[in-house]
Amino acid sequence: GAGAMVSRTPALVAAVLGPILVAALLTTMHGVVTGSNAALVLVLLVVAVAATGHRSAGVVAALVGAASFDFFLTQPYFQFATFAKDDVVTAVLLTVIGLGVTELALWG
């Protein structure tokens, strides 16, 4: 009903804006934070959104998190083009983990 949509809206906003803002912030730390560590920060954000129990928000957070990782944190920067095998694997794992955590949160 309408009540469910209202409670879902903040989770969806966080799912879209959270990964983008965090990844953009992490670009300022390229020399300090490695790509895999940045991905762990994004996983934490995706887990937080997934913990809301809204499947759509968790799925969106996982997909936006992986896209943000690719765009902001892999070379060439600020493009949706990842050439390094490790970066591709990290983006895929970020998505899979986010989707898995979303499902686990719904079961719990």
C-alpha atoms as a PDB file:
ATOM      1  CA  GLY A   1       0.000   0.000   0.000  1.00  0.00           C
ATOM      2  CA  ALA A   2       0.897   3.667   0.211  1.00  0.00           C
ATOM      3  CA  GLY A   3       2.524   3.215   3.626  1.00  0.00           C
ATOM      4  CA  ALA A   4       5.004   0.698   2.207  1.00  0.00           C
ATOM      5  CA  MET A   5       6.003   3.101  -0.560  1.00  0.00           C
ATOM      6  CA  VAL A   6       6.707   5.882   1.913  1.00  0.00           C
ATOM      7  CA  SER A   7       8.986   3.726   4.046  1.00  0.00           C
ATOM      8  CA  ARG A   8      10.733   2.368   0.957  1.00  0.00           C
ATOM      9  CA  THR A   9      11.513   5.799  -0.505  1.00  0.00           C
ATOM     10  CA  PRO A  10      14.374   6.707   1.887  1.00  0.00           C
ATOM     11  CA  ALA A  11      15.952   3.295   1.285  1.00  0.00           C
ATOM     12  CA  LEU A  12      15.757   3.763  -2.496  1.00  0.00           C
ATOM     13  CA  VAL A  13      17.216   7.274  -2.254  1.00  0.00           C
ATOM     14  CA  ALA A  14      20.086   5.890  -0.154  1.00  0.00           C
ATOM     15  CA  ALA A  15      20.502   3.029  -2.635  1.00  0.00           C
ATOM     16  CA  VAL A  16      20.978   5.433  -5.540  1.00  0.00           C
ATOM     17  CA  LEU A  17      22.782   8.366  -3.979  1.00  0.00           C
ATOM     18  CA  GLY A  18      24.832   6.580  -1.312  1.00  0.00           C
ATOM     19  CA  PRO A  19      27.172   4.573  -3.563  1.00  0.00           C
ATOM     20  CA  ILE A  20      27.630   7.484  -5.960  1.00  0.00           C
ATOM     21  CA  LEU A  21      28.520   9.936  -3.199  1.00  0.00           C
ATOM     22  CA  VAL A  22      30.810   7.494  -1.370  1.00  0.00           C
ATOM     23  CA  ALA A  23      32.631   6.475  -4.559  1.00  0.00           C
ATOM     24  CA  ALA A  24      33.018  10.134  -5.571  1.00  0.00           C
ATOM     25  CA  LEU A  25      34.462  10.915  -2.143  1.00  0.00           C
ATOM     26  CA  LEU A  26      36.835   7.951  -2.409  1.00  0.00           C
ATOM     27  CA  THR A  27      38.257   9.385  -5.651  1.00  0.00           C
ATOM     28  CA  THR A  28      39.980  12.002  -3.518  1.00  0.00           C
ATOM     29  CA  MET A  29      41.952   9.189  -1.862  1.00  0.00           C
ATOM     30  CA  HIS A  30      43.280   7.315  -4.926  1.00  0.00           C
ATOM     31  CA  GLY A  31      46.818   7.262  -3.564  1.00  0.00           C
ATOM     32  CA  VAL A  32      45.737   6.161  -0.089  1.00  0.00           C
ATOM     33  CA  VAL A  33      42.832   3.741  -0.568  1.00  0.00           C
ATOM     34  CA  THR A  34      43.234   0.816  -2.982  1.00  0.00           C
ATOM     35  CA  GLY A  35      40.436  -0.216  -5.318  1.00  0.00           C
ATOM     36  CA  SER A  36      39.672  -3.354  -3.338  1.00  0.00           C
ATOM     37  CA  ASN A  37      39.497  -1.390  -0.082  1.00  0.00           C
ATOM     38  CA  ALA A  38      37.199   1.142  -1.724  1.00  0.00           C
ATOM     39  CA  ALA A  39      35.008  -1.759  -2.856  1.00  0.00           C
ATOM     40  CA  LEU A  40      34.807  -2.946   0.761  1.00  0.00           C
ATOM     41  CA  VAL A  41      33.550   0.489   1.785  1.00  0.00           C
ATOM     42  CA  LEU A  42      30.906   0.250  -0.940  1.00  0.00           C
ATOM     43  CA  VAL A  43      29.957  -3.246   0.239  1.00  0.00           C
ATOM     44  CA  LEU A  44      29.379  -1.835   3.719  1.00  0.00           C
ATOM     45  CA  LEU A  45      27.036   0.765   2.252  1.00  0.00           C
ATOM     46  CA  VAL A  46      25.201  -1.848   0.182  1.00  0.00           C
ATOM     47  CA  VAL A  47      24.822  -4.045   3.289  1.00  0.00           C
ATOM     48  CA  ALA A  48      23.389  -1.081   5.216  1.00  0.00           C
ATOM     49  CA  VAL A  49      20.805  -0.446   2.493  1.00  0.00           C
ATOM     50  CA  ALA A  50      20.013  -4.161   2.168  1.00  0.00           C
ATOM     51  CA  ALA A  51      19.456  -4.343   5.925  1.00  0.00           C
ATOM     52  CA  THR A  52      16.393  -2.117   5.489  1.00  0.00           C
ATOM     53  CA  GLY A  53      14.638  -5.235   4.228  1.00  0.00           C
ATOM     54  CA  HIS A  54      13.513  -3.688   0.950  1.00  0.00           C
ATOM     55  CA  ARG A  55      14.548  -5.982  -1.890  1.00  0.00           C
ATOM     56  CA  SER A  56      14.331  -3.255  -4.520  1.00  0.00           C
ATOM     57  CA  ALA A  57      16.584  -0.938  -2.501  1.00  0.00           C
ATOM     58  CA  GLY A  58      19.159  -3.688  -1.939  1.00  0.00           C
ATOM     59  CA  VAL A  59      19.224  -4.616  -5.620  1.00  0.00           C
ATOM     60  CA  VAL A  60      19.537  -0.977  -6.673  1.00  0.00           C
ATOM     61  CA  ALA A  61      22.318  -0.376  -4.133  1.00  0.00           C
ATOM     62  CA  ALA A  62      24.242  -3.425  -5.401  1.00  0.00           C
ATOM     63  CA  LEU A  63      23.957  -2.340  -9.042  1.00  0.00           C
ATOM     64  CA  VAL A  64      24.678   1.341  -8.396  1.00  0.00           C
ATOM     65  CA  GLY A  65      27.562   0.341  -6.114  1.00  0.00           C
ATOM     66  CA  ALA A  66      29.170  -1.750  -8.854  1.00  0.00           C
ATOM     67  CA  ALA A  67      28.585   0.973 -11.459  1.00  0.00           C
ATOM     68  CA  SER A  68      30.009   3.629  -9.119  1.00  0.00           C
ATOM     69  CA  PHE A  69      33.057   1.461  -8.452  1.00  0.00           C
ATOM     70  CA  ASP A  70      33.616   1.123 -12.200  1.00  0.00           C
ATOM     71  CA  PHE A  71      33.036   4.809 -12.987  1.00  0.00           C
ATOM     72  CA  PHE A  72      34.869   6.470 -10.109  1.00  0.00           C
ATOM     73  CA  LEU A  73      37.445   3.982  -8.875  1.00  0.00           C
ATOM     74  CA  THR A  74      38.834   2.037 -11.837  1.00  0.00           C
ATOM     75  CA  GLN A  75      41.024   3.174 -14.696  1.00  0.00           C
ATOM     76  CA  PRO A  76      40.186   4.869 -16.949  1.00  0.00           C
ATOM     77  CA  TYR A  77      38.547   7.051 -14.307  1.00  0.00           C
ATOM     78  CA  PHE A  78      35.158   8.679 -14.946  1.00  0.00           C
ATOM     79  CA  GLN A  79      34.255   6.238 -17.707  1.00  0.00           C
ATOM     80  CA  PHE A  80      32.212   3.054 -17.739  1.00  0.00           C
ATOM     81  CA  ALA A  81      35.121   1.013 -19.057  1.00  0.00           C
ATOM     82  CA  THR A  82      37.055  -1.415 -16.882  1.00  0.00           C
ATOM     83  CA  PHE A  83      39.944  -3.256 -18.456  1.00  0.00           C
ATOM     84  CA  ALA A  84      41.795  -4.759 -15.484  1.00  0.00           C
ATOM     85  CA  LYS A  85      40.638  -8.298 -14.724  1.00  0.00           C
ATOM     86  CA  ASP A  86      40.830  -7.712 -10.952  1.00  0.00           C
ATOM     87  CA  ASP A  87      38.589  -4.646 -11.221  1.00  0.00           C
ATOM     88  CA  VAL A  88      36.015  -6.579 -13.240  1.00  0.00           C
ATOM     89  CA  VAL A  89      36.031  -9.381 -10.665  1.00  0.00           C
ATOM     90  CA  THR A  90      35.693  -6.852  -7.830  1.00  0.00           C
ATOM     91  CA  ALA A  91      32.705  -5.155  -9.520  1.00  0.00           C
ATOM     92  CA  VAL A  92      30.999  -8.503 -10.108  1.00  0.00           C
ATOM     93  CA  LEU A  93      31.631  -9.610  -6.520  1.00  0.00           C
ATOM     94  CA  LEU A  94      30.300  -6.301  -5.218  1.00  0.00           C
ATOM     95  CA  THR A  95      27.084  -6.935  -7.118  1.00  0.00           C
ATOM     96  CA  VAL A  96      26.778 -10.597  -6.084  1.00  0.00           C
ATOM     97  CA  ILE A  97      27.497  -9.858  -2.419  1.00  0.00           C
ATOM     98  CA  GLY A  98      24.992  -7.026  -2.419  1.00  0.00           C
ATOM     99  CA  LEU A  99      22.304  -9.228  -3.938  1.00  0.00           C
ATOM    100  CA  GLY A 100      23.126 -12.039  -1.511  1.00  0.00           C
ATOM    101  CA  VAL A 101      22.976  -9.786   1.527  1.00  0.00           C
ATOM    102  CA  THR A 102      19.655  -8.388   0.333  1.00  0.00           C
ATOM    103  CA  GLU A 103      18.178 -11.875   0.191  1.00  0.00           C
ATOM    104  CA  LEU A 104      19.653 -12.793   3.587  1.00  0.00           C
ATOM    105  CA  ALA A 105      18.177  -9.641   5.108  1.00  0.00           C
ATOM    106  CA  LEU A 106      14.753 -10.581   3.766  1.00  0.00           C
ATOM    107  CA  TRP A 107      15.005 -14.090   5.223  1.00  0.00           C
ATOM    108  CA  GLY A 108      16.063 -12.693   8.609  1.00  0.00           C
END
